[in-house]
N, C-alpha and C. Protein backbone atom coordinates (compact mmCIF):
# COMPACT_ATOMS: atom_id res chain seq x y z
N MET A 1 21.09 5.40 32.78
CA MET A 1 22.36 5.75 32.10
C MET A 1 22.78 6.80 33.00
N ARG A 2 23.98 6.94 33.10
CA ARG A 2 25.11 7.79 33.95
C ARG A 2 25.43 8.81 33.13
N CYS A 3 25.42 10.11 33.27
CA CYS A 3 26.22 11.12 33.22
C CYS A 3 27.79 11.14 32.90
N PRO A 4 28.26 11.05 31.94
CA PRO A 4 29.61 10.93 31.16
C PRO A 4 30.92 11.94 31.76
N THR A 5 30.01 12.98 32.54
CA THR A 5 30.84 14.16 33.09
C THR A 5 30.77 14.18 34.55
N CYS A 6 29.63 13.85 35.28
CA CYS A 6 29.66 13.78 36.62
C CYS A 6 28.81 12.42 37.13
N GLY A 7 28.37 11.60 36.42
CA GLY A 7 28.43 10.28 36.83
C GLY A 7 26.75 10.15 37.18
N GLY A 8 26.19 11.46 37.05
CA GLY A 8 24.44 11.63 37.49
C GLY A 8 23.48 10.90 36.71
N LYS A 9 22.46 10.90 37.55
CA LYS A 9 21.42 10.35 36.42
C LYS A 9 21.16 11.24 35.25
N ILE A 10 20.92 10.48 34.48
CA ILE A 10 20.14 11.25 32.90
C ILE A 10 19.00 10.85 32.75
N VAL A 11 18.01 11.73 32.23
CA VAL A 11 16.65 11.55 31.96
C VAL A 11 16.53 11.98 30.43
N VAL A 12 15.98 11.22 29.64
CA VAL A 12 15.13 11.63 28.44
C VAL A 12 14.22 12.77 28.13
N LYS A 13 14.70 13.81 27.61
CA LYS A 13 14.20 15.23 27.37
C LYS A 13 13.31 15.07 25.86
N ASP A 14 13.83 14.12 24.82
CA ASP A 14 13.16 14.58 23.34
C ASP A 14 13.50 13.13 22.88
N THR A 15 12.45 12.56 21.99
CA THR A 15 12.75 11.60 21.44
C THR A 15 12.05 11.62 19.66
N ARG A 16 13.30 11.51 18.59
CA ARG A 16 12.68 11.87 17.48
C ARG A 16 13.02 10.46 16.52
N LYS A 17 12.39 10.29 15.51
CA LYS A 17 13.02 9.07 14.85
C LYS A 17 13.65 9.92 13.38
N ALA A 18 14.84 9.65 13.28
CA ALA A 18 15.71 9.77 12.35
C ALA A 18 16.29 8.71 11.43
N GLY A 19 15.17 8.52 10.10
CA GLY A 19 15.65 7.55 9.21
C GLY A 19 14.98 6.20 9.94
N ASP A 20 16.03 5.45 9.89
CA ASP A 20 16.09 4.29 10.50
C ASP A 20 16.47 4.02 11.92
N GLU A 21 16.69 5.09 12.38
CA GLU A 21 17.50 5.34 13.85
C GLU A 21 16.11 6.19 14.75
N VAL A 22 16.69 6.29 16.28
CA VAL A 22 16.12 6.81 17.04
C VAL A 22 17.03 8.02 17.79
N LEU A 23 16.58 9.12 17.49
CA LEU A 23 17.42 10.33 18.21
C LEU A 23 16.79 10.56 19.70
N ARG A 24 17.75 10.59 20.72
CA ARG A 24 17.12 11.05 21.99
C ARG A 24 18.15 11.72 22.67
N LYS A 25 17.24 12.99 22.94
CA LYS A 25 18.14 13.96 23.39
C LYS A 25 18.02 13.84 25.17
N ARG A 26 19.19 13.83 25.63
CA ARG A 26 19.24 13.13 27.46
C ARG A 26 19.50 14.39 28.22
N GLN A 27 19.09 14.80 29.25
CA GLN A 27 20.27 15.75 30.28
C GLN A 27 20.39 15.37 31.53
N CYS A 28 21.70 15.61 32.14
CA CYS A 28 21.76 15.03 33.53
C CYS A 28 20.77 15.89 34.74
N LEU A 29 20.61 15.25 35.48
CA LEU A 29 20.01 15.94 36.35
C LEU A 29 20.56 16.90 37.57
N THR A 30 22.12 16.48 37.46
CA THR A 30 23.00 16.84 38.46
C THR A 30 23.54 18.29 37.99
N CYS A 31 24.04 17.75 36.74
CA CYS A 31 25.11 18.96 36.06
C CYS A 31 23.95 19.94 34.88
N GLY A 32 23.33 19.02 34.49
CA GLY A 32 22.73 19.77 33.36
C GLY A 32 23.21 19.60 31.92
N ALA A 33 24.34 18.78 31.90
CA ALA A 33 25.12 18.25 30.69
C ALA A 33 23.94 17.42 30.06
N LYS A 34 24.36 18.04 28.43
CA LYS A 34 23.23 17.19 27.68
C LYS A 34 23.76 16.48 26.69
N VAL A 35 23.51 15.11 26.71
CA VAL A 35 23.69 13.79 25.51
C VAL A 35 22.95 13.48 24.79
N TYR A 36 23.33 13.53 23.45
CA TYR A 36 22.51 12.98 22.43
C TYR A 36 22.78 11.51 21.86
N THR A 37 21.97 11.03 21.89
CA THR A 37 22.15 9.26 21.26
C THR A 37 21.33 8.87 20.18
N TYR A 38 21.94 7.90 19.43
CA TYR A 38 21.63 7.51 18.24
C TYR A 38 21.04 5.82 18.75
N GLU A 39 19.92 5.36 18.07
CA GLU A 39 19.75 4.34 18.82
C GLU A 39 19.36 3.50 17.43
N ALA A 40 19.69 2.28 16.97
CA ALA A 40 19.33 1.68 16.18
C ALA A 40 19.26 0.08 16.23
N ILE A 41 18.39 -0.49 15.31
CA ILE A 41 18.42 -2.03 15.83
C ILE A 41 18.90 -2.56 14.89
N ASP A 42 19.54 -3.76 15.41
CA ASP A 42 20.59 -4.49 14.77
C ASP A 42 19.75 -6.03 14.46
N ASP A 43 19.01 -6.01 13.30
CA ASP A 43 18.45 -6.99 13.18
C ASP A 43 18.61 -7.64 12.28
N THR A 44 19.98 -7.87 11.86
CA THR A 44 20.61 -8.70 11.21
C THR A 44 20.74 -10.19 11.42
N ASP A 45 21.09 -10.26 12.90
CA ASP A 45 20.55 -11.61 13.53
C ASP A 45 19.28 -12.13 13.33
N TYR A 46 18.28 -11.53 13.05
CA TYR A 46 16.81 -11.60 13.54
C TYR A 46 16.41 -12.24 11.66
N VAL A 47 17.22 -11.08 10.96
CA VAL A 47 16.70 -11.50 9.37
C VAL A 47 17.31 -12.77 8.93
N ARG A 48 18.53 -13.23 9.36
CA ARG A 48 19.09 -14.39 9.27
C ARG A 48 18.28 -15.85 9.77
N ARG A 49 17.74 -15.24 11.27
CA ARG A 49 17.36 -16.69 11.80
C ARG A 49 15.72 -16.93 10.98
N ARG A 50 15.04 -15.75 10.66
CA ARG A 50 14.12 -15.94 10.05
C ARG A 50 13.99 -16.25 8.53
N LEU A 51 14.94 -16.07 8.42
CA LEU A 51 15.43 -16.59 6.64
C LEU A 51 15.77 -18.26 6.83
N ILE A 52 16.06 -18.69 7.73
CA ILE A 52 16.65 -20.11 8.04
C ILE A 52 15.36 -20.82 8.43
N LYS A 53 14.38 -20.23 9.19
CA LYS A 53 13.23 -20.56 9.36
C LYS A 53 12.40 -20.86 8.49
N ILE A 54 12.10 -20.26 7.29
CA ILE A 54 11.46 -19.90 5.81
C ILE A 54 12.04 -21.03 5.49
N HIS A 55 13.38 -21.35 5.25
CA HIS A 55 13.61 -22.48 4.24
C HIS A 55 13.40 -23.79 4.98
N GLU A 56 13.79 -24.13 6.45
CA GLU A 56 13.47 -25.53 6.59
C GLU A 56 11.86 -25.52 6.55
N ARG A 57 10.93 -24.85 6.62
CA ARG A 57 9.75 -25.05 6.50
C ARG A 57 9.65 -25.56 5.01
N GLU A 58 10.08 -24.78 4.02
CA GLU A 58 10.11 -24.97 2.53
C GLU A 58 10.53 -26.69 2.14
N LEU A 59 11.29 -26.63 2.99
CA LEU A 59 12.22 -28.07 3.04
C LEU A 59 11.25 -29.06 3.42
N LYS A 60 10.59 -28.93 4.55
CA LYS A 60 9.61 -30.00 4.73
C LYS A 60 8.37 -30.31 4.13
N LYS A 61 7.83 -29.18 3.60
CA LYS A 61 6.91 -29.53 2.57
C LYS A 61 7.28 -30.05 1.29
N ARG A 62 8.58 -30.14 1.14
CA ARG A 62 9.01 -30.86 -0.10
C ARG A 62 8.99 -32.24 0.06
N VAL A 63 9.95 -32.58 0.99
CA VAL A 63 10.18 -34.05 1.77
C VAL A 63 8.62 -34.76 1.77
N ILE A 64 7.46 -34.14 2.20
CA ILE A 64 6.35 -34.47 2.39
C ILE A 64 5.40 -34.52 0.92
N SER A 65 5.95 -33.86 0.21
CA SER A 65 5.16 -33.68 -1.26
C SER A 65 5.67 -34.99 -2.07
N LYS A 66 7.04 -35.21 -1.92
CA LYS A 66 8.02 -35.85 -2.41
C LYS A 66 7.17 -37.55 -2.15
N GLY A 67 6.83 -37.68 -1.13
CA GLY A 67 6.28 -39.05 -0.28
C GLY A 67 5.11 -39.29 -0.85
N ILE A 68 4.09 -38.18 -1.10
CA ILE A 68 2.86 -38.41 -1.30
C ILE A 68 2.89 -38.54 -3.16
N LYS A 69 3.35 -38.13 -3.56
CA LYS A 69 3.59 -38.53 -4.94
C LYS A 69 4.40 -40.15 -5.65
N LYS A 70 5.16 -40.58 -4.69
CA LYS A 70 5.55 -41.90 -4.72
C LYS A 70 4.32 -42.94 -4.66
N SER A 71 3.46 -42.73 -3.66
CA SER A 71 2.60 -43.38 -3.27
C SER A 71 1.13 -43.54 -3.85
């Protein structure tokens, strides 16, 4: 990450959990400017893919069980 003030390199000085987010305190090695970032995982796509996978698995079980009952 680069400093928005001078373009120098920024290092992480402190990391804390703030609810579902992570707060990172960063400082520029060149000018000493402090930058705070909040990072959160956008897991909406993950949840959607997981639900689709679960539903597909359940549908496969139903198809197999219907075939077994008929025979």
